[in-house]
Amino acid sequence: GHHGAEGDFVILQYTSTGSITAFIYSEAATLRQTVPLDLAPPGIASMDWKIAGHGPNLCLAVDHVLAFRPPAGDFVLMQLPHPVTGMRMSPCGSQILVTTKHSVLVADVPKPGKPFEAVDLSGSTLGDAESSPVACFLPDGAVAIARPQGGEIFSRGRYTTPSARFPLASRDGVPVSIAPRGTGGFAILTDAGKLVVFGK
């Protein structure tokens, strides 16, 4: 997974003993850090893991569990009602964006000794029980969400009402991924193989 803004990336490795280790590499594929993790649920080898990081912070998601590991200390866990389908950390590393089949959550990185605090952005008029959202942070910390019915942008820290909405044509297909592009735009990949680009 992606780790920070400097091009770092993380590889998770599990062993036959059921342990997990995170290897953090630089953009030049130089090993920066090895982090043994004290999180090993049953059936670890067959689970679909998500990982994101920024600086010394590391966040993992598997099944219905979101787990944040600060530079020092134990994991902070958050149980979710549905399995995690995607996860990103904000450009400054202070927030975690989580998508499930039915929801989009923005969680603040927990302070030492504190639990997760999250805002659910699923109250959108564009949401329904059948559409899985995709979401990403934009460079300024805003959140872009896309569903088959269209999409919304939420300004950083203002998650009660979208600051903008955008249409998606049904002929373009169902959104399967979204990523920031340039200084403030984003691109959406659909199941029809189309790339729909917005903004700069």
C-alpha atoms as a PDB file:
ATOM      1  CA  GLY A   1       0.000   0.000   0.000  1.00  0.00           C
ATOM      2  CA  HIS A   2       0.902   3.693  -0.347  1.00  0.00           C
ATOM      3  CA  HIS A   3       2.767   5.222   2.595  1.00  0.00           C
ATOM      4  CA  GLY A   4       3.072   8.979   2.897  1.00  0.00           C
ATOM      5  CA  ALA A   5       3.676  11.683   0.327  1.00  0.00           C
ATOM      6  CA  GLU A   6       7.294  10.886  -0.483  1.00  0.00           C
ATOM      7  CA  GLY A   7       6.613   7.852  -2.672  1.00  0.00           C
ATOM      8  CA  ASP A   8       7.102   5.347   0.126  1.00  0.00           C
ATOM      9  CA  PHE A   9       5.151   2.105   0.033  1.00  0.00           C
ATOM     10  CA  VAL A  10       4.376  -0.724   2.441  1.00  0.00           C
ATOM     11  CA  ILE A  11       4.389  -4.488   1.964  1.00  0.00           C
ATOM     12  CA  LEU A  12       2.615  -6.726   4.471  1.00  0.00           C
ATOM     13  CA  GLN A  13       4.017 -10.206   5.004  1.00  0.00           C
ATOM     14  CA  TYR A  14       2.539 -12.977   7.095  1.00  0.00           C
ATOM     15  CA  THR A  15       4.351 -16.072   8.310  1.00  0.00           C
ATOM     16  CA  SER A  16       3.415 -19.673   9.005  1.00  0.00           C
ATOM     17  CA  THR A  17       3.308 -18.786  12.705  1.00  0.00           C
ATOM     18  CA  GLY A  18       0.459 -16.347  12.027  1.00  0.00           C
ATOM     19  CA  SER A  19       2.353 -13.110  12.627  1.00  0.00           C
ATOM     20  CA  ILE A  20       2.374 -10.009  10.396  1.00  0.00           C
ATOM     21  CA  THR A  21       5.276  -7.707   9.572  1.00  0.00           C
ATOM     22  CA  ALA A  22       5.066  -4.426   7.669  1.00  0.00           C
ATOM     23  CA  PHE A  23       8.070  -3.512   5.517  1.00  0.00           C
ATOM     24  CA  ILE A  24       8.228   0.193   4.633  1.00  0.00           C
ATOM     25  CA  TYR A  25      10.239   0.986   1.484  1.00  0.00           C
ATOM     26  CA  SER A  26      11.340   4.224  -0.152  1.00  0.00           C
ATOM     27  CA  GLU A  27      10.449   5.171  -3.716  1.00  0.00           C
ATOM     28  CA  ALA A  28      13.850   3.749  -4.708  1.00  0.00           C
ATOM     29  CA  ALA A  29      12.880   0.383  -3.136  1.00  0.00           C
ATOM     30  CA  THR A  30      15.234   0.829  -0.186  1.00  0.00           C
ATOM     31  CA  LEU A  31      13.960  -0.726   3.044  1.00  0.00           C
ATOM     32  CA  ARG A  32      13.329   2.131   5.488  1.00  0.00           C
ATOM     33  CA  GLN A  33      11.722   0.301   8.396  1.00  0.00           C
ATOM     34  CA  THR A  34      10.544  -3.123   9.544  1.00  0.00           C
ATOM     35  CA  VAL A  35       7.511  -3.078  11.854  1.00  0.00           C
ATOM     36  CA  PRO A  36       6.354  -6.334  13.513  1.00  0.00           C
ATOM     37  CA  LEU A  37       2.610  -6.092  14.156  1.00  0.00           C
ATOM     38  CA  ASP A  38       0.784  -7.628  17.083  1.00  0.00           C
ATOM     39  CA  LEU A  39      -2.404  -8.194  15.104  1.00  0.00           C
ATOM     40  CA  ALA A  40      -3.040 -11.747  13.938  1.00  0.00           C
ATOM     41  CA  PRO A  41      -6.695 -12.764  13.552  1.00  0.00           C
ATOM     42  CA  PRO A  42      -7.607 -16.368  12.685  1.00  0.00           C
ATOM     43  CA  GLY A  43      -7.526 -17.110   8.950  1.00  0.00           C
ATOM     44  CA  ILE A  44      -5.032 -14.324   8.346  1.00  0.00           C
ATOM     45  CA  ALA A  45      -3.587 -15.832   5.154  1.00  0.00           C
ATOM     46  CA  SER A  46      -6.909 -15.853   3.283  1.00  0.00           C
ATOM     47  CA  MET A  47      -8.121 -12.402   4.325  1.00  0.00           C
ATOM     48  CA  ASP A  48      -8.314  -9.366   2.045  1.00  0.00           C
ATOM     49  CA  TRP A  49      -6.061  -6.804   3.728  1.00  0.00           C
ATOM     50  CA  LYS A  50      -6.008  -3.055   3.106  1.00  0.00           C
ATOM     51  CA  ILE A  51      -3.079  -0.924   4.264  1.00  0.00           C
ATOM     52  CA  ALA A  52      -2.248   2.783   4.276  1.00  0.00           C
ATOM     53  CA  GLY A  53       0.333   4.879   6.042  1.00  0.00           C
ATOM     54  CA  HIS A  54       1.789   8.320   6.434  1.00  0.00           C
ATOM     55  CA  GLY A  55       5.009   9.133   8.271  1.00  0.00           C
ATOM     56  CA  PRO A  56       5.183   6.924  11.362  1.00  0.00           C
ATOM     57  CA  ASN A  57       1.460   6.087  11.282  1.00  0.00           C
ATOM     58  CA  LEU A  58       0.139   2.794   9.912  1.00  0.00           C
ATOM     59  CA  CYS A  59      -3.478   1.763   9.343  1.00  0.00           C
ATOM     60  CA  LEU A  60      -4.767  -1.716   8.466  1.00  0.00           C
ATOM     61  CA  ALA A  61      -8.241  -2.919   7.580  1.00  0.00           C
ATOM     62  CA  VAL A  62      -9.489  -6.468   7.285  1.00  0.00           C
ATOM     63  CA  ASP A  63     -13.066  -7.720   7.141  1.00  0.00           C
ATOM     64  CA  HIS A  64     -15.128  -5.531   9.533  1.00  0.00           C
ATOM     65  CA  VAL A  65     -12.150  -4.155  11.498  1.00  0.00           C
ATOM     66  CA  LEU A  66     -10.166  -0.933  11.097  1.00  0.00           C
ATOM     67  CA  ALA A  67      -6.882  -0.950  13.043  1.00  0.00           C
ATOM     68  CA  PHE A  68      -4.628   2.076  13.557  1.00  0.00           C
ATOM     69  CA  ARG A  69      -1.102   1.663  14.910  1.00  0.00           C
ATOM     70  CA  PRO A  70       0.637   4.786  16.228  1.00  0.00           C
ATOM     71  CA  PRO A  71       4.455   5.013  16.224  1.00  0.00           C
ATOM     72  CA  ALA A  72       4.489   3.708  19.781  1.00  0.00           C
ATOM     73  CA  GLY A  73       1.713   1.825  21.518  1.00  0.00           C
ATOM     74  CA  ASP A  74      -1.009  -0.679  20.850  1.00  0.00           C
ATOM     75  CA  PHE A  75      -3.506  -0.867  17.999  1.00  0.00           C
ATOM     76  CA  VAL A  76      -6.668   1.210  18.225  1.00  0.00           C
ATOM     77  CA  LEU A  77      -9.536  -0.836  16.767  1.00  0.00           C
ATOM     78  CA  MET A  78     -12.882   0.152  15.288  1.00  0.00           C
ATOM     79  CA  GLN A  79     -15.604  -2.370  14.403  1.00  0.00           C
ATOM     80  CA  LEU A  80     -17.571  -1.561  11.248  1.00  0.00           C
ATOM     81  CA  PRO A  81     -21.012  -2.859  10.232  1.00  0.00           C
ATOM     82  CA  HIS A  82     -19.774  -3.992   6.784  1.00  0.00           C
ATOM     83  CA  PRO A  83     -16.444  -5.264   5.390  1.00  0.00           C
ATOM     84  CA  VAL A  84     -13.932  -2.622   4.303  1.00  0.00           C
ATOM     85  CA  THR A  85     -13.621  -2.275   0.519  1.00  0.00           C
ATOM     86  CA  GLY A  86     -11.108   0.591   0.405  1.00  0.00           C
ATOM     87  CA  MET A  87      -8.933   2.782   2.610  1.00  0.00           C
ATOM     88  CA  ARG A  88      -6.774   5.909   2.139  1.00  0.00           C
ATOM     89  CA  MET A  89      -4.915   8.323   4.401  1.00  0.00           C
ATOM     90  CA  SER A  90      -5.220  12.075   3.891  1.00  0.00           C
ATOM     91  CA  PRO A  91      -2.342  14.018   2.290  1.00  0.00           C
ATOM     92  CA  CYS A  92      -1.323  15.387   5.699  1.00  0.00           C
ATOM     93  CA  GLY A  93      -1.813  12.044   7.460  1.00  0.00           C
ATOM     94  CA  SER A  94      -4.376  13.312   9.988  1.00  0.00           C
ATOM     95  CA  GLN A  95      -7.426  11.424   8.649  1.00  0.00           C
ATOM     96  CA  ILE A  96      -8.356   7.998   7.311  1.00  0.00           C
ATOM     97  CA  LEU A  97     -10.939   7.509   4.557  1.00  0.00           C
ATOM     98  CA  VAL A  98     -12.741   4.152   4.660  1.00  0.00           C
ATOM     99  CA  THR A  99     -15.265   2.737   2.215  1.00  0.00           C
ATOM    100  CA  THR A 100     -17.512  -0.281   2.710  1.00  0.00           C
ATOM    101  CA  LYS A 101     -20.185  -1.709   0.425  1.00  0.00           C
ATOM    102  CA  HIS A 102     -22.704   0.793   1.780  1.00  0.00           C
ATOM    103  CA  SER A 103     -20.816   3.671   3.372  1.00  0.00           C
ATOM    104  CA  VAL A 104     -17.979   6.193   3.332  1.00  0.00           C
ATOM    105  CA  LEU A 105     -16.381   7.144   6.646  1.00  0.00           C
ATOM    106  CA  VAL A 106     -13.812   9.807   7.495  1.00  0.00           C
ATOM    107  CA  ALA A 107     -12.022   9.030  10.758  1.00  0.00           C
ATOM    108  CA  ASP A 108      -9.543  11.247  12.557  1.00  0.00           C
ATOM    109  CA  VAL A 109      -6.229   9.581  13.385  1.00  0.00           C
ATOM    110  CA  PRO A 110      -6.732   8.652  17.061  1.00  0.00           C
ATOM    111  CA  LYS A 111      -4.823  10.596  19.673  1.00  0.00           C
ATOM    112  CA  PRO A 112      -2.902   8.510  22.258  1.00  0.00           C
ATOM    113  CA  GLY A 113      -5.316   6.653  24.528  1.00  0.00           C
ATOM    114  CA  LYS A 114      -8.373   7.800  22.582  1.00  0.00           C
ATOM    115  CA  PRO A 115     -10.807   5.783  20.389  1.00  0.00           C
ATOM    116  CA  PHE A 116     -11.601   6.381  16.731  1.00  0.00           C
ATOM    117  CA  GLU A 117     -13.983   9.228  15.940  1.00  0.00           C
ATOM    118  CA  ALA A 118     -15.588   8.992  12.512  1.00  0.00           C
ATOM    119  CA  VAL A 119     -18.091  10.890  10.362  1.00  0.00           C
ATOM    120  CA  ASP A 120     -20.348   8.894   8.040  1.00  0.00           C
ATOM    121  CA  LEU A 121     -20.774  10.562   4.637  1.00  0.00           C
ATOM    122  CA  SER A 122     -23.361   8.003   3.521  1.00  0.00           C
ATOM    123  CA  GLY A 123     -26.378  10.180   4.175  1.00  0.00           C
ATOM    124  CA  SER A 124     -26.064  11.368   0.595  1.00  0.00           C
ATOM    125  CA  THR A 125     -29.116  11.576  -1.614  1.00  0.00           C
ATOM    126  CA  LEU A 126     -27.039   9.661  -4.169  1.00  0.00           C
ATOM    127  CA  GLY A 127     -26.680   6.581  -1.983  1.00  0.00           C
ATOM    128  CA  ASP A 128     -28.747   3.415  -1.994  1.00  0.00           C
ATOM    129  CA  ALA A 129     -28.431  -0.093  -0.642  1.00  0.00           C
ATOM    130  CA  GLU A 130     -27.260  -1.524  -3.962  1.00  0.00           C
ATOM    131  CA  SER A 131     -24.459   0.851  -4.917  1.00  0.00           C
ATOM    132  CA  SER A 132     -20.928   0.488  -3.563  1.00  0.00           C
ATOM    133  CA  PRO A 133     -19.159   3.848  -3.327  1.00  0.00           C
ATOM    134  CA  VAL A 134     -15.547   4.597  -4.223  1.00  0.00           C
ATOM    135  CA  ALA A 135     -13.804   7.556  -2.606  1.00  0.00           C
ATOM    136  CA  CYS A 136     -10.496   9.372  -2.369  1.00  0.00           C
ATOM    137  CA  PHE A 137      -8.873  12.368  -0.739  1.00  0.00           C
ATOM    138  CA  LEU A 138      -7.987  15.268  -3.025  1.00  0.00           C
ATOM    139  CA  PRO A 139      -4.676  17.134  -2.515  1.00  0.00           C
ATOM    140  CA  ASP A 140      -6.341  19.832  -0.357  1.00  0.00           C
ATOM    141  CA  GLY A 141      -7.924  17.233   1.959  1.00  0.00           C
ATOM    142  CA  ALA A 142     -11.392  17.345   0.374  1.00  0.00           C
ATOM    143  CA  VAL A 143     -13.167  14.016  -0.231  1.00  0.00           C
ATOM    144  CA  ALA A 144     -14.537  12.927  -3.627  1.00  0.00           C
ATOM    145  CA  ILE A 145     -17.129  10.121  -3.682  1.00  0.00           C
ATOM    146  CA  ALA A 146     -18.492   8.384  -6.785  1.00  0.00           C
ATOM    147  CA  ARG A 147     -21.448   6.017  -7.186  1.00  0.00           C
ATOM    148  CA  PRO A 148     -23.352   4.849 -10.259  1.00  0.00           C
ATOM    149  CA  GLN A 149     -25.884   7.640  -9.708  1.00  0.00           C
ATOM    150  CA  GLY A 150     -23.255  10.397  -9.637  1.00  0.00           C
ATOM    151  CA  GLY A 151     -20.772  11.861  -7.209  1.00  0.00           C
ATOM    152  CA  GLU A 152     -20.135  14.445  -4.538  1.00  0.00           C
ATOM    153  CA  ILE A 153     -17.254  16.450  -3.131  1.00  0.00           C
ATOM    154  CA  PHE A 154     -17.001  17.327   0.549  1.00  0.00           C
ATOM    155  CA  SER A 155     -14.667  20.155   1.567  1.00  0.00           C
ATOM    156  CA  ARG A 156     -12.099  19.312   4.217  1.00  0.00           C
ATOM    157  CA  GLY A 157     -13.680  19.396   7.669  1.00  0.00           C
ATOM    158  CA  ARG A 158     -17.165  20.137   6.268  1.00  0.00           C
ATOM    159  CA  TYR A 159     -18.772  16.742   5.998  1.00  0.00           C
ATOM    160  CA  THR A 160     -22.433  17.525   6.664  1.00  0.00           C
ATOM    161  CA  THR A 161     -23.215  18.929   3.197  1.00  0.00           C
ATOM    162  CA  PRO A 162     -21.470  18.367  -0.151  1.00  0.00           C
ATOM    163  CA  SER A 163     -19.730  21.434  -1.585  1.00  0.00           C
ATOM    164  CA  ALA A 164     -20.326  20.144  -5.130  1.00  0.00           C
ATOM    165  CA  ARG A 165     -22.048  17.356  -7.057  1.00  0.00           C
ATOM    166  CA  PHE A 166     -21.147  15.868 -10.433  1.00  0.00           C
ATOM    167  CA  PRO A 167     -23.029  13.621 -12.877  1.00  0.00           C
ATOM    168  CA  LEU A 168     -21.959  10.210 -14.175  1.00  0.00           C
ATOM    169  CA  ALA A 169     -23.553   8.867 -17.337  1.00  0.00           C
ATOM    170  CA  SER A 170     -24.937   5.334 -17.025  1.00  0.00           C
ATOM    171  CA  ARG A 171     -23.371   4.477 -20.411  1.00  0.00           C
ATOM    172  CA  ASP A 172     -19.909   5.008 -18.837  1.00  0.00           C
ATOM    173  CA  GLY A 173     -20.429   2.100 -16.432  1.00  0.00           C
ATOM    174  CA  VAL A 174     -20.206   1.639 -12.666  1.00  0.00           C
ATOM    175  CA  PRO A 175     -17.316   3.327 -10.783  1.00  0.00           C
ATOM    176  CA  VAL A 176     -14.773   0.788  -9.515  1.00  0.00           C
ATOM    177  CA  SER A 177     -11.916   3.116  -8.509  1.00  0.00           C
ATOM    178  CA  ILE A 178     -11.156   6.802  -8.031  1.00  0.00           C
ATOM    179  CA  ALA A 179      -7.873   8.671  -7.635  1.00  0.00           C
ATOM    180  CA  PRO A 180      -6.737  12.290  -7.316  1.00  0.00           C
ATOM    181  CA  ARG A 181      -5.329  13.923 -10.436  1.00  0.00           C
ATOM    182  CA  GLY A 182      -3.233  17.085 -10.707  1.00  0.00           C
ATOM    183  CA  THR A 183      -3.728  19.877  -8.208  1.00  0.00           C
ATOM    184  CA  GLY A 184      -7.433  19.411  -7.564  1.00  0.00           C
ATOM    185  CA  GLY A 185      -9.006  17.061 -10.066  1.00  0.00           C
ATOM    186  CA  PHE A 186      -9.736  13.354  -9.983  1.00  0.00           C
ATOM    187  CA  ALA A 187     -10.275  10.421 -12.303  1.00  0.00           C
ATOM    188  CA  ILE A 188     -12.829   7.620 -12.075  1.00  0.00           C
ATOM    189  CA  LEU A 189     -12.323   4.170 -13.601  1.00  0.00           C
ATOM    190  CA  THR A 190     -15.515   2.267 -14.442  1.00  0.00           C
ATOM    191  CA  ASP A 191     -16.319  -1.401 -14.971  1.00  0.00           C
ATOM    192  CA  ALA A 192     -16.750  -0.610 -18.685  1.00  0.00           C
ATOM    193  CA  GLY A 193     -13.046   0.263 -18.874  1.00  0.00           C
ATOM    194  CA  LYS A 194     -13.680   3.994 -19.233  1.00  0.00           C
ATOM    195  CA  LEU A 195     -11.673   6.696 -17.469  1.00  0.00           C
ATOM    196  CA  VAL A 196     -13.805   9.712 -16.555  1.00  0.00           C
ATOM    197  CA  VAL A 197     -11.705  12.757 -15.658  1.00  0.00           C
ATOM    198  CA  PHE A 198     -12.847  15.834 -13.711  1.00  0.00           C
ATOM    199  CA  GLY A 199     -11.065  19.081 -12.876  1.00  0.00           C
ATOM    200  CA  LYS A 200      -7.432  20.053 -13.252  1.00  0.00           C
END
